[in-house]
Amino acid sequence: MAREVFDEVGIEQAALNDVARRAGVGPGTLWRHFANRDALVTASTRPRVVEST
């Protein structure tokens, strides 16, 4: 969800309340999981690793 918002308006211009709304959570929930904007950006832009079993 965050990546979509960042792609639409840019990382620096993205309102974190919009990220929370798009994810279907409140802003407080977003902040409990990510200490700051940088942590959210890092988590949302890091490549996803798929583990096969």
Protein backbone atom coordinates (compact mmCIF):
# COMPACT_ATOMS: atom_id res chain seq x y z
CA MET A 1 0.00 0.00 0.00
CA ALA A 2 2.72 2.47 0.92
CA ARG A 3 4.60 1.76 -2.28
CA GLU A 4 1.48 2.62 -4.30
CA VAL A 5 1.08 5.97 -2.53
CA PHE A 6 4.80 6.72 -2.90
CA ASP A 7 4.65 5.90 -6.62
CA GLU A 8 1.62 8.13 -7.13
CA VAL A 9 2.78 11.29 -5.36
CA GLY A 10 6.43 10.75 -4.45
CA ILE A 11 8.02 9.62 -1.22
CA GLU A 12 8.52 13.08 0.27
CA GLN A 13 5.07 14.35 -0.73
CA ALA A 14 3.13 11.29 0.45
CA ALA A 15 1.00 11.95 3.50
CA LEU A 16 1.44 9.10 5.94
CA ASN A 17 -2.24 9.41 6.84
CA ASP A 18 -2.97 8.53 3.20
CA VAL A 19 -0.73 5.47 3.49
CA ALA A 20 -2.58 4.38 6.63
CA ARG A 21 -5.98 4.96 5.03
CA ARG A 22 -5.00 2.98 1.92
CA ALA A 23 -3.82 0.14 4.17
CA GLY A 24 -7.11 0.20 6.05
CA VAL A 25 -5.55 1.12 9.39
CA GLY A 26 -5.43 4.19 11.58
CA PRO A 27 -2.37 6.44 11.74
CA GLY A 28 -1.55 5.16 15.23
CA THR A 29 -1.30 1.62 13.94
CA LEU A 30 1.09 2.76 11.22
CA TRP A 31 3.29 4.50 13.79
CA ARG A 32 3.30 1.47 16.11
CA HIS A 33 4.82 -0.60 13.31
CA PHE A 34 7.13 2.03 11.81
CA ALA A 35 9.03 4.44 14.03
CA ASN A 36 9.35 7.08 11.31
CA ARG A 37 8.96 7.79 7.60
CA ASP A 38 12.40 6.35 6.81
CA ALA A 39 11.48 3.01 8.41
CA LEU A 40 8.27 2.86 6.38
CA VAL A 41 10.07 3.77 3.15
CA THR A 42 12.75 1.15 3.78
CA ALA A 43 10.20 -1.56 4.53
CA SER A 44 8.02 -0.72 1.57
CA THR A 45 10.78 -0.42 -1.00
CA ARG A 46 13.03 -3.32 -0.05
CA PRO A 47 12.83 -6.22 -2.46
CA ARG A 48 10.60 -9.03 -1.37
CA VAL A 49 12.28 -12.36 -0.92
CA VAL A 50 10.18 -15.40 -1.69
CA GLU A 51 11.32 -18.56 -0.02
CA SER A 52 10.47 -21.78 -1.80
CA THR A 53 10.14 -25.04 0.04
